[in-house]
Structures are given as C-alpha cells and as structure tokens.
Amino acid sequence: MFVQMKNKLKRILFTIAGVLFTIAIQSQQIGDGFASEINNFTVPLSSGCYNGLNPIGTLPENGWQHLLVVRHPNGTNNYQLQIASSLTTNDKLYFRKLASGAATSINPNWYELATRGTNNFIGNQTISGNIGIGTTAPNSKLTIRSGNTGVSIHPGNSPYFGTLAFNREAATGEIFDPTGQAFQINNGGADKNLHFQVYNNNGAQITDNALVISGTNGNIGIGTPSPNSKLTIKSGNTGTGVSIHPRVDSSYFGTLAFNREAATGEIFDSTGQAFQINNGGADKNLHFQVYNNNGAQITDNALVISGTNGNIGIGISNPTNKLDVNGTIHSREVKVDLTGWSDFVFKKEYELPTLEEVEKHIAEKGHLENIPSEEDVLKNGINLGEMNTKLLQKIEELTLYTIEQNKKIQKLQEENKKFLDIEKRLEKIEKESK
C-alpha cells in the first residue's frame, strides 16, 4: 500500500515539474534589440510567465481561452500577439495584435485561423498556386468539387438574388430569381449537351429545353433538345413559338416558321391570318405566302425571290424579270429611265412618211409602223418606257401632218376668198349689163 502511494506521488511530482519546465521555456526572452544576422552568441535568459486577466491555460467566464501570449516585457512598450480559442464558437482558433494597455489599437479584433469546421476570413487573402474546395488535388486556380450537396455562390443568406447555385445533383445547377423560380444549367448526360432550363420554386420544370448547346457540333436549340442547325427554335404546341430550321416533311426546305407546327410558320394578325416564309425545294426559290387561321392558303406565291437569278415575283412562282407582278399595281407615280426620246421627229433631216405610206402600211400590217401588233402585245406584253417613246413619236408625226394640213387649209381658204371676190364682181357686172 505504501509503495503504491509512493509511486503515485512520484508521478504527480514529475508532472508538476514538466509543467513548470514548459512554462519556463514558453516565457523566456532572448536579449533585446535587433541584428541583421546572428551566428554564434551567448545571451542571458530570464525566465518568467506573464499572465493578464485571462492567464494561459485558464477558462474565463466569457468562453475565450488564451493559449499563447507573446509580448514585450517593457511596461511602456508592451506590444503583444495573442492566440486564443473560443469555446463558444465551435472551438475555433483566433489571433490578434495589441498595443500597450487595452485592446484599442493595431488590430483589436480577433482574426480566425483556418483550422477545422467553418472558417471566416477578414481582409484580403493572397494565395499563389491553385485553390481546392472539397478536393486535395486542385487542377485549376479554383477547383470546387462536391458529391451531391452542390455549390452555391451568392451574396447574403436569403433570399437568392444574383445567385449562381449548384444545388441539385453533381451535374446540375440553378440560378434563382426573387420569385423562387430557378434557371438551371446542366449537362444532358449521354447527349453531351449543355441544357439551360427554368424551374419554379417547387422544383417543377416551367420550360423544357429553354436553351440547349449541342456538345457534338455546337448547334444552339431553343425549345428543342436536339438542334439540327446553327440555331433551331421550336415550340411544342401549335399556335405558339417560333421555328427556324430545315423543313423535312414536305417539298419545302429551309423554313422560317412562326406560330404553327414545327415545320411551318405564320405571323398572325388580328384576323388570324398568317405570313409564311419557306424555301420551295427543287426550284430553290424563297416563298412568302399568306394563310388564314384555318391553315388555308389565301394568296399563292404572295412574294417569291428566285434562288437562281434573284428575280422577284408577286403572285407568280417563277419570275423571269427583276420584278414580275401578276395583278394590278396602284402607284402615285412611276418613274422610268430611258436611253432616248422621240424629239428626233422634229429635226430637219427626219423624213416624215407620207400619209399614203402610212395608209399602205396600215392596209398591209393592220397597225402603225414601229408599233407592236395586238398578237405580239398579248404574247409578250409591252415595255412601258419604249412604248411611251413610240407613241410620242406617232404623236409628233401626227403633229407634223396636222401642221402641213393646216398650211394647205389656209392656202385653200385664201384661194377660196379670191374665188368669192371674183364671184361677187361677176354678179355685179351681170346686174349692170341688164
């Protein structure tokens, strides 16, 4: 019994001695002053333990335990560096630097050290190399990895404003707006596409494939998971949405479609009529057509642009001129550029056909010279500028005929007047002779 008590007492004494030795080592000071380089030196050491209101190793009432206090022993220049632990905040480790006296200068606030649990950092942090969160092997400047809990980057705690959030499984992510709806960015898995989708605050999908970027060819799709052109816009319901894509279910290809099935397109007005733009397939023409709200075509080939020569047709499927119009044109004014005019008729060297020649041509041809026949006009139409020039030529020729006839009439009138005078003189002579 005595031996056991003796051994226990020895253990206690050794423990006390070890603690005192440790305190002495922690409290030693190495001289005073500074040197740029110290090699071999001998410095007298004075041991001591400096304790303030919260001695090292004690637990104060406010939950802060000072683990290490390093300070200058001078009473008037008593700067100190404190390292402490807060038992009330998840046993985190903090440090601060104080001036002489109360904690009112230098860095009076406690700064958290990165230890374990949740760490808060104050001030700017400069780090060279890669940073890893959730991984011990970061392969970029910032690598964030998570199993299934996701990643969230946003200001404040709640609600989610301006947030980039990855809050679903590892392959998905949402950007929340103030209403609780979510914009999700994810990888489509087997299709290798990048999907942008919208969800409400209950997690229900509002838009299916709001935006898709193909991981195979870079095509962009709106409303479709499989865009087959650089930009494919589709709507799942008739009467809603826009479609820009090749039309493969009929003779039309390369269709710009609005508001009907995926392969057609209409721009509806107040009466429900629609305007469609499509490619005519084999003819390579671009067709603009109008439909009613029942899908029946109102105008056939309302506007056609030839894919071969760029000719434009209105009401005609294959325009052969720069502008072909099958119908009436109402215009306030029409201006035609011409290469010549008919004033040459009034020049002296112009040989005006005689009326006998004109009469003969009419008798033989059935129309005026240089004027197309009825058969030709019905078959080929007329050139408006050319026809106006020819008609003006005939008008000017007719004017010359009229002038010439007027001269003859005036001459006849003068001769007739002379005959009248002679007749009166004869009548007078006859009366006098009786």
Protein backbone atom coordinates (compact mmCIF):
# COMPACT_ATOMS: atom_id res chain seq x y z
CA MET A 1 0.00 0.00 0.00
CA PHE A 2 2.81 2.36 0.95
CA VAL A 3 4.66 1.52 -2.25
CA GLN A 4 1.62 2.36 -4.41
CA MET A 5 1.15 5.76 -2.73
CA LYS A 6 4.86 6.47 -3.14
CA ASN A 7 4.72 5.72 -6.89
CA LYS A 8 1.60 7.86 -7.33
CA LEU A 9 3.28 10.78 -5.55
CA LYS A 10 6.30 10.45 -7.82
CA ARG A 11 4.09 10.66 -10.89
CA ILE A 12 2.42 13.83 -9.59
CA LEU A 13 5.78 15.47 -8.82
CA PHE A 14 7.14 14.61 -12.28
CA THR A 15 4.00 16.07 -13.88
CA ILE A 16 4.30 19.36 -11.95
CA ALA A 17 7.99 19.59 -12.84
CA GLY A 18 7.20 19.08 -16.53
CA VAL A 19 4.53 21.78 -16.49
CA LEU A 20 6.84 24.26 -14.76
CA PHE A 21 9.61 23.48 -17.25
CA THR A 22 7.23 24.05 -20.18
CA ILE A 23 6.03 27.38 -18.75
CA ALA A 24 9.62 28.46 -18.24
CA ILE A 25 10.53 27.63 -21.82
CA GLN A 26 7.47 29.47 -23.18
CA SER A 27 8.25 32.59 -21.14
CA GLN A 28 11.97 33.01 -21.95
CA GLN A 29 13.15 36.16 -23.72
CA ILE A 30 16.26 36.28 -25.93
CA GLY A 31 18.05 39.54 -25.22
CA ASP A 32 16.81 42.84 -26.61
CA GLY A 33 17.43 44.80 -29.75
CA PHE A 34 17.81 43.51 -33.33
CA ALA A 35 20.65 42.29 -35.52
CA SER A 36 20.74 41.67 -39.26
CA GLU A 37 22.49 38.32 -38.72
CA ILE A 38 23.39 36.30 -35.59
CA ASN A 39 25.69 33.30 -35.79
CA ASN A 40 27.38 32.23 -32.53
CA PHE A 41 26.09 34.11 -29.49
CA THR A 42 25.56 33.81 -25.72
CA VAL A 43 22.51 35.57 -24.27
CA PRO A 44 21.50 35.55 -20.61
CA LEU A 45 17.89 34.33 -20.26
CA SER A 46 15.45 35.45 -17.63
CA SER A 47 12.52 33.15 -17.15
CA GLY A 48 9.03 34.29 -16.30
CA CYS A 49 5.31 33.77 -17.05
CA TYR A 50 3.31 36.86 -17.94
CA ASN A 51 -0.37 36.48 -17.11
CA GLY A 52 -3.06 39.08 -17.59
CA LEU A 53 -6.74 38.96 -16.75
CA ASN A 54 -7.03 35.61 -18.58
CA PRO A 55 -3.97 33.53 -17.62
CA ILE A 56 -2.75 30.92 -20.06
CA GLY A 57 -4.46 27.61 -19.54
CA THR A 58 -7.45 29.04 -17.64
CA LEU A 59 -11.05 29.19 -18.84
CA PRO A 60 -12.57 32.67 -18.37
CA GLU A 61 -16.27 33.30 -17.96
CA ASN A 62 -16.73 34.67 -21.50
CA GLY A 63 -15.55 31.42 -23.13
CA TRP A 64 -12.22 32.76 -24.50
CA GLN A 65 -9.12 30.81 -23.55
CA HIS A 66 -5.72 32.41 -24.19
CA LEU A 67 -3.47 29.65 -25.49
CA LEU A 68 -0.37 31.76 -26.22
CA VAL A 69 0.56 35.38 -25.42
CA VAL A 70 3.80 36.80 -26.81
CA ARG A 71 4.67 40.31 -25.64
CA HIS A 72 7.45 42.74 -24.80
CA PRO A 73 8.12 42.98 -21.07
CA ASN A 74 8.63 46.73 -21.16
CA GLY A 75 5.73 48.38 -19.37
CA THR A 76 5.62 51.40 -21.70
CA ASN A 77 6.07 49.45 -24.93
CA ASN A 78 4.01 46.41 -24.11
CA TYR A 79 3.01 45.17 -27.61
CA GLN A 80 1.68 41.64 -27.67
CA LEU A 81 0.48 38.92 -30.02
CA GLN A 82 -2.35 36.80 -28.65
CA ILE A 83 -3.58 33.40 -29.85
CA ALA A 84 -6.81 32.23 -28.26
CA SER A 85 -9.61 29.72 -28.66
CA SER A 86 -13.33 30.45 -28.46
CA LEU A 87 -15.12 27.54 -26.86
CA THR A 88 -18.50 29.12 -27.60
CA THR A 89 -17.91 29.28 -31.39
CA ASN A 90 -17.11 25.69 -32.29
CA ASP A 91 -13.65 25.78 -30.67
CA LYS A 92 -12.12 27.90 -33.42
CA LEU A 93 -8.60 29.35 -33.23
CA TYR A 94 -8.11 33.16 -33.38
CA PHE A 95 -5.25 35.65 -33.16
CA ARG A 96 -4.83 39.40 -32.74
CA LYS A 97 -2.13 42.01 -32.18
CA LEU A 98 -2.48 44.59 -29.43
CA ALA A 99 -0.67 47.75 -28.38
CA SER A 100 0.31 48.62 -24.86
CA GLY A 101 -2.59 48.61 -22.46
CA ALA A 102 -6.19 47.98 -23.54
CA ALA A 103 -7.13 46.42 -26.88
CA THR A 104 -7.77 49.75 -28.63
CA SER A 105 -5.16 49.95 -31.40
CA ILE A 106 -3.20 47.99 -34.01
CA ASN A 107 -5.63 45.07 -34.66
CA PRO A 108 -8.06 44.92 -31.73
CA ASN A 109 -10.36 42.41 -33.47
CA TRP A 110 -9.85 38.68 -33.39
CA TYR A 111 -8.94 37.04 -36.73
CA GLU A 112 -9.85 33.45 -37.37
CA LEU A 113 -7.20 30.94 -38.35
CA ALA A 114 -8.02 28.21 -40.88
CA THR A 115 -8.27 25.18 -38.61
CA ARG A 116 -11.35 22.99 -38.85
CA GLY A 117 -15.10 23.39 -39.27
CA THR A 118 -16.35 26.67 -40.75
CA ASN A 119 -13.70 29.40 -41.14
CA ASN A 120 -14.33 33.12 -41.67
CA PHE A 121 -11.57 35.29 -43.16
CA ILE A 122 -11.41 39.09 -42.87
CA GLY A 123 -9.34 41.23 -45.21
CA ASN A 124 -7.62 40.43 -48.49
CA GLN A 125 -6.07 36.99 -48.92
CA THR A 126 -3.24 36.44 -51.41
CA ILE A 127 -2.58 32.87 -52.44
CA SER A 128 -0.14 31.66 -55.07
CA GLY A 129 -1.00 28.37 -56.68
CA ASN A 130 -4.29 26.51 -57.07
CA ILE A 131 -7.10 26.54 -54.51
CA GLY A 132 -9.15 23.46 -53.84
CA ILE A 133 -12.51 23.32 -52.07
CA GLY A 134 -13.73 19.80 -51.46
CA THR A 135 -10.62 18.35 -53.09
CA THR A 136 -6.98 17.84 -52.10
CA ALA A 137 -5.76 17.99 -55.69
CA PRO A 138 -6.98 21.22 -57.36
CA ASN A 139 -6.08 21.32 -61.05
CA SER A 140 -7.04 24.96 -61.72
CA LYS A 141 -6.87 28.31 -59.96
CA LEU A 142 -10.13 27.41 -58.21
CA THR A 143 -11.43 23.85 -58.13
CA ILE A 144 -14.72 23.23 -56.31
CA ARG A 145 -15.97 19.68 -56.00
CA SER A 146 -18.94 18.22 -54.21
CA GLY A 147 -20.57 14.85 -54.06
CA ASN A 148 -24.31 15.52 -54.05
CA THR A 149 -24.77 18.62 -51.90
CA GLY A 150 -23.86 21.09 -54.63
CA VAL A 151 -22.18 24.51 -54.65
CA SER A 152 -23.74 27.95 -54.14
CA ILE A 153 -22.16 31.36 -54.87
CA HIS A 154 -24.39 34.29 -53.91
CA PRO A 155 -24.48 37.49 -51.82
CA GLY A 156 -26.14 37.24 -48.41
CA ASN A 157 -28.00 34.31 -47.00
CA SER A 158 -31.62 34.54 -48.20
CA PRO A 159 -33.43 35.06 -50.50
CA TYR A 160 -31.35 34.13 -53.54
CA PHE A 161 -30.55 37.26 -55.52
CA GLY A 162 -27.98 37.15 -58.30
CA THR A 163 -27.05 33.63 -57.34
CA LEU A 164 -25.08 31.04 -59.22
CA ALA A 165 -26.22 27.91 -57.43
CA PHE A 166 -25.44 24.27 -57.99
CA ASN A 167 -27.97 22.82 -55.64
CA ARG A 168 -29.09 19.57 -57.19
CA GLU A 169 -27.10 16.51 -58.08
CA ALA A 170 -23.48 16.87 -59.10
CA ALA A 171 -24.29 17.50 -62.78
CA THR A 172 -26.91 20.28 -62.36
CA GLY A 173 -27.20 23.85 -61.13
CA GLU A 174 -29.79 26.62 -60.68
CA ILE A 175 -29.68 30.42 -60.71
CA PHE A 176 -32.58 31.56 -58.52
CA ASP A 177 -34.58 34.73 -59.07
CA PRO A 178 -36.57 36.58 -56.35
CA THR A 179 -39.79 34.66 -57.13
CA GLY A 180 -38.18 31.35 -56.37
CA GLN A 181 -38.03 30.23 -59.97
CA ALA A 182 -34.74 28.68 -60.99
CA PHE A 183 -32.59 28.80 -64.07
CA GLN A 184 -30.72 25.54 -64.34
CA ILE A 185 -27.53 24.80 -66.21
CA ASN A 186 -26.67 21.16 -66.59
CA ASN A 187 -25.08 18.58 -68.78
CA GLY A 188 -27.54 16.31 -70.54
CA GLY A 189 -25.54 13.17 -69.84
CA ALA A 190 -25.43 10.82 -72.81
CA ASP A 191 -26.22 13.55 -75.37
CA LYS A 192 -23.26 15.66 -74.11
CA ASN A 193 -25.37 18.80 -74.50
CA LEU A 194 -25.42 21.82 -72.19
CA HIS A 195 -29.02 22.50 -71.08
CA PHE A 196 -30.42 25.78 -69.71
CA GLN A 197 -33.81 25.11 -68.09
CA VAL A 198 -36.27 27.06 -65.92
CA TYR A 199 -37.91 25.65 -62.77
CA ASN A 200 -40.38 27.08 -60.29
CA ASN A 201 -39.86 27.18 -56.54
CA ASN A 202 -41.39 23.71 -56.19
CA GLY A 203 -38.79 22.21 -58.48
CA ALA A 204 -41.27 21.73 -61.36
CA GLN A 205 -39.92 22.46 -64.82
CA ILE A 206 -41.52 25.52 -66.43
CA THR A 207 -39.74 25.43 -69.77
CA ASP A 208 -38.40 22.31 -71.41
CA ASN A 209 -35.03 22.86 -73.03
CA ALA A 210 -35.18 26.64 -72.77
CA LEU A 211 -31.72 26.75 -74.33
CA VAL A 212 -29.54 23.86 -75.45
CA ILE A 213 -25.98 23.97 -76.77
CA SER A 214 -25.01 20.77 -78.55
CA GLY A 215 -21.88 19.14 -77.21
CA THR A 216 -21.33 17.45 -80.57
CA ASN A 217 -21.48 20.25 -83.17
CA GLY A 218 -22.08 23.46 -81.19
CA ASN A 219 -25.61 23.97 -82.57
CA ILE A 220 -27.94 26.06 -80.39
CA GLY A 221 -31.52 25.00 -79.76
CA ILE A 222 -34.39 26.88 -78.13
CA GLY A 223 -37.23 24.59 -77.15
CA THR A 224 -35.55 21.51 -78.59
CA PRO A 225 -33.00 19.09 -77.09
CA SER A 226 -31.55 18.22 -80.50
CA PRO A 227 -30.79 21.33 -82.60
CA ASN A 228 -30.02 20.31 -86.19
CA SER A 229 -28.82 23.73 -87.42
CA LYS A 230 -26.70 26.54 -86.03
CA LEU A 231 -29.86 27.97 -84.44
CA THR A 232 -33.04 25.90 -84.10
CA ILE A 233 -36.08 27.45 -82.41
CA LYS A 234 -39.07 25.17 -81.87
CA SER A 235 -42.32 25.17 -79.94
CA GLY A 236 -44.11 22.10 -78.74
CA ASN A 237 -47.64 23.46 -79.21
CA THR A 238 -49.46 24.58 -82.36
CA GLY A 239 -50.05 28.31 -82.40
CA THR A 240 -47.17 29.15 -80.06
CA GLY A 241 -43.50 29.63 -80.63
CA VAL A 242 -41.09 30.19 -83.47
CA SER A 243 -39.21 27.72 -85.64
CA ILE A 244 -36.16 28.33 -87.79
CA HIS A 245 -34.99 25.05 -89.29
CA PRO A 246 -34.98 22.90 -92.45
CA ARG A 247 -38.43 21.55 -93.20
CA VAL A 248 -38.08 17.86 -93.99
CA ASP A 249 -41.69 16.68 -94.06
CA SER A 250 -42.67 18.18 -97.44
CA SER A 251 -41.23 19.83 -100.54
CA TYR A 252 -40.20 22.94 -98.61
CA PHE A 253 -36.74 23.18 -97.08
CA GLY A 254 -35.04 25.87 -95.02
CA THR A 255 -38.27 27.20 -93.47
CA LEU A 256 -38.58 30.26 -91.24
CA ALA A 257 -41.76 29.34 -89.37
CA PHE A 258 -43.86 31.24 -86.84
CA ASN A 259 -46.68 30.03 -84.59
CA ARG A 260 -47.75 26.75 -86.14
CA GLU A 261 -46.35 23.25 -86.26
CA ALA A 262 -42.61 22.79 -86.18
CA ALA A 263 -42.29 22.68 -89.98
CA THR A 264 -44.36 25.80 -90.86
CA GLY A 265 -44.53 29.39 -89.76
CA GLU A 266 -47.09 32.17 -89.63
CA ILE A 267 -47.13 35.69 -88.27
CA PHE A 268 -50.73 36.17 -87.14
CA ASP A 269 -52.63 39.42 -87.48
CA SER A 270 -55.86 40.34 -85.69
CA THR A 271 -57.94 38.22 -88.08
CA GLY A 272 -55.80 35.15 -87.57
CA GLN A 273 -54.16 35.28 -90.99
CA ALA A 274 -50.54 34.19 -91.20
CA PHE A 275 -47.46 35.06 -93.19
CA GLN A 276 -45.13 32.17 -94.03
CA ILE A 277 -41.57 32.18 -95.32
CA ASN A 278 -40.11 28.97 -96.75
CA ASN A 279 -37.83 27.53 -99.36
CA GLY A 280 -39.55 25.94 -102.35
CA GLY A 281 -37.29 22.92 -102.50
CA ALA A 282 -36.35 21.97 -106.07
CA ASP A 283 -36.89 25.47 -107.52
CA LYS A 284 -34.53 26.96 -104.88
CA ASN A 285 -36.84 29.95 -104.54
CA LEU A 286 -37.78 31.78 -101.35
CA HIS A 287 -41.57 31.89 -100.96
CA PHE A 288 -43.61 34.37 -98.87
CA GLN A 289 -47.18 33.11 -98.52
CA VAL A 290 -50.30 34.15 -96.59
CA TYR A 291 -52.59 31.72 -94.72
CA ASN A 292 -55.77 32.14 -92.70
CA ASN A 293 -56.32 30.86 -89.17
CA ASN A 294 -57.54 27.51 -90.53
CA GLY A 295 -54.28 26.92 -92.34
CA ALA A 296 -55.79 27.55 -95.81
CA GLN A 297 -53.64 29.50 -98.23
CA ILE A 298 -55.11 32.90 -99.05
CA THR A 299 -52.56 34.03 -101.60
CA ASP A 300 -50.43 31.73 -103.73
CA ASN A 301 -46.88 32.98 -104.02
CA ALA A 302 -47.56 36.35 -102.42
CA LEU A 303 -43.88 37.11 -102.92
CA VAL A 304 -41.20 34.93 -104.50
CA ILE A 305 -37.47 35.57 -104.72
CA SER A 306 -35.74 33.43 -107.30
CA GLY A 307 -32.85 31.40 -105.94
CA THR A 308 -31.30 31.28 -109.41
CA ASN A 309 -31.14 34.91 -110.57
CA GLY A 310 -32.61 36.97 -107.72
CA ASN A 311 -35.73 37.94 -109.68
CA ILE A 312 -38.76 38.94 -107.60
CA GLY A 313 -42.27 37.77 -108.35
CA ILE A 314 -45.56 38.90 -106.83
CA GLY A 315 -48.30 36.40 -107.49
CA ILE A 316 -46.01 34.33 -109.70
CA SER A 317 -43.84 31.37 -108.74
CA ASN A 318 -41.02 31.71 -111.28
CA PRO A 319 -40.26 35.37 -112.09
CA THR A 320 -38.28 35.88 -115.30
CA ASN A 321 -37.66 39.60 -114.79
CA LYS A 322 -36.26 41.64 -111.97
CA LEU A 323 -39.87 42.23 -110.88
CA ASP A 324 -42.83 40.25 -112.17
CA VAL A 325 -46.29 41.17 -110.87
CA ASN A 326 -49.36 39.07 -111.57
CA GLY A 327 -52.01 41.64 -110.77
CA THR A 328 -52.74 45.35 -110.59
CA ILE A 329 -50.19 47.90 -109.42
CA HIS A 330 -51.51 51.08 -107.84
CA SER A 331 -48.93 53.81 -107.60
CA ARG A 332 -48.95 57.56 -107.15
CA GLU A 333 -46.04 57.91 -109.54
CA VAL A 334 -43.90 55.71 -111.77
CA LYS A 335 -40.50 56.84 -112.99
CA VAL A 336 -38.82 55.10 -115.92
CA ASP A 337 -35.23 55.58 -117.01
CA LEU A 338 -34.84 55.80 -120.82
CA THR A 339 -31.92 55.88 -123.24
CA GLY A 340 -33.58 58.18 -125.81
CA TRP A 341 -36.67 60.22 -126.72
CA SER A 342 -38.75 61.00 -129.81
CA ASP A 343 -37.80 64.61 -130.48
CA PHE A 344 -35.76 63.46 -133.47
CA VAL A 345 -39.05 63.68 -135.41
CA PHE A 346 -38.82 67.48 -135.36
CA LYS A 347 -35.34 67.60 -136.83
CA LYS A 348 -34.99 68.79 -140.45
CA GLU A 349 -33.24 65.65 -141.60
CA TYR A 350 -36.10 63.46 -140.40
CA GLU A 351 -38.06 62.02 -143.28
CA LEU A 352 -41.70 62.07 -142.36
CA PRO A 353 -43.60 59.25 -144.04
CA THR A 354 -46.33 60.41 -146.36
CA LEU A 355 -49.90 59.72 -145.47
CA GLU A 356 -50.06 57.45 -148.47
CA GLU A 357 -47.20 55.37 -146.99
CA VAL A 358 -48.93 55.29 -143.63
CA GLU A 359 -52.16 54.22 -145.28
CA LYS A 360 -50.39 51.47 -147.20
CA HIS A 361 -48.68 50.06 -144.03
CA ILE A 362 -51.97 50.02 -142.18
CA ALA A 363 -53.63 48.22 -145.04
CA GLU A 364 -50.88 45.60 -145.17
CA LYS A 365 -49.96 45.13 -141.45
CA GLY A 366 -53.04 46.20 -139.60
CA HIS A 367 -51.15 48.54 -137.24
CA LEU A 368 -48.92 51.61 -137.33
CA GLU A 369 -45.29 51.25 -138.26
CA ASN A 370 -42.94 50.53 -135.27
CA ILE A 371 -45.93 49.78 -133.06
CA PRO A 372 -46.34 46.12 -131.94
CA SER A 373 -49.34 44.19 -133.12
CA GLU A 374 -52.11 43.00 -130.87
CA GLU A 375 -50.84 39.44 -131.12
CA ASP A 376 -47.36 40.48 -130.06
CA VAL A 377 -48.64 42.55 -127.12
CA LEU A 378 -50.83 39.74 -125.82
CA LYS A 379 -47.93 37.31 -126.03
CA ASN A 380 -45.00 39.39 -124.79
CA GLY A 381 -46.52 42.47 -123.20
CA ILE A 382 -45.02 45.89 -123.73
CA ASN A 383 -42.04 47.80 -122.49
CA LEU A 384 -43.58 50.80 -120.80
CA GLY A 385 -40.75 53.22 -121.48
CA GLU A 386 -40.22 52.04 -125.06
CA MET A 387 -43.94 52.13 -125.82
CA ASN A 388 -44.29 55.66 -124.48
CA THR A 389 -41.39 56.71 -126.71
CA LYS A 390 -43.01 55.15 -129.82
CA LEU A 391 -46.40 56.60 -129.03
CA LEU A 392 -44.82 60.03 -128.62
CA GLN A 393 -43.11 59.55 -132.00
CA LYS A 394 -46.50 58.92 -133.62
CA ILE A 395 -47.98 61.91 -131.83
CA GLU A 396 -45.16 64.14 -133.07
CA GLU A 397 -45.55 62.75 -136.61
CA LEU A 398 -49.27 63.38 -136.37
CA THR A 399 -48.48 66.91 -135.21
CA LEU A 400 -46.35 67.48 -138.33
CA TYR A 401 -49.15 66.09 -140.51
CA THR A 402 -51.57 68.45 -138.82
CA ILE A 403 -49.28 71.43 -139.33
CA GLU A 404 -48.87 70.56 -143.01
CA GLN A 405 -52.60 70.09 -143.43
CA ASN A 406 -53.23 73.39 -141.65
CA LYS A 407 -51.00 75.15 -144.15
CA LYS A 408 -52.91 73.61 -147.01
CA ILE A 409 -56.19 74.59 -145.44
CA GLN A 410 -55.04 78.17 -145.01
CA LYS A 411 -53.95 78.25 -148.67
CA LEU A 412 -57.28 76.86 -149.78
CA GLN A 413 -59.06 79.41 -147.63
CA GLU A 414 -57.11 82.22 -149.28
CA GLU A 415 -57.84 80.83 -152.74
CA ASN A 416 -61.48 80.39 -151.83
CA LYS A 417 -61.66 84.01 -150.73
CA LYS A 418 -60.32 85.12 -154.08
CA PHE A 419 -62.90 82.99 -155.84
CA LEU A 420 -65.61 84.59 -153.74
CA ASP A 421 -64.38 88.05 -154.64
CA ILE A 422 -64.39 87.16 -158.34
CA GLU A 423 -67.87 85.72 -157.99
CA LYS A 424 -69.17 88.93 -156.43
CA ARG A 425 -67.61 91.05 -159.20
CA LEU A 426 -69.21 88.86 -161.85
CA GLU A 427 -72.58 89.16 -160.19
CA LYS A 428 -72.23 92.96 -160.13
CA ILE A 429 -71.25 93.11 -163.82
CA GLU A 430 -74.24 90.97 -164.74
CA LYS A 431 -76.60 93.29 -162.89
CA GLU A 432 -75.16 96.41 -164.53
CA SER A 433 -75.38 94.90 -168.02
CA LYS A 434 -79.12 94.42 -167.71
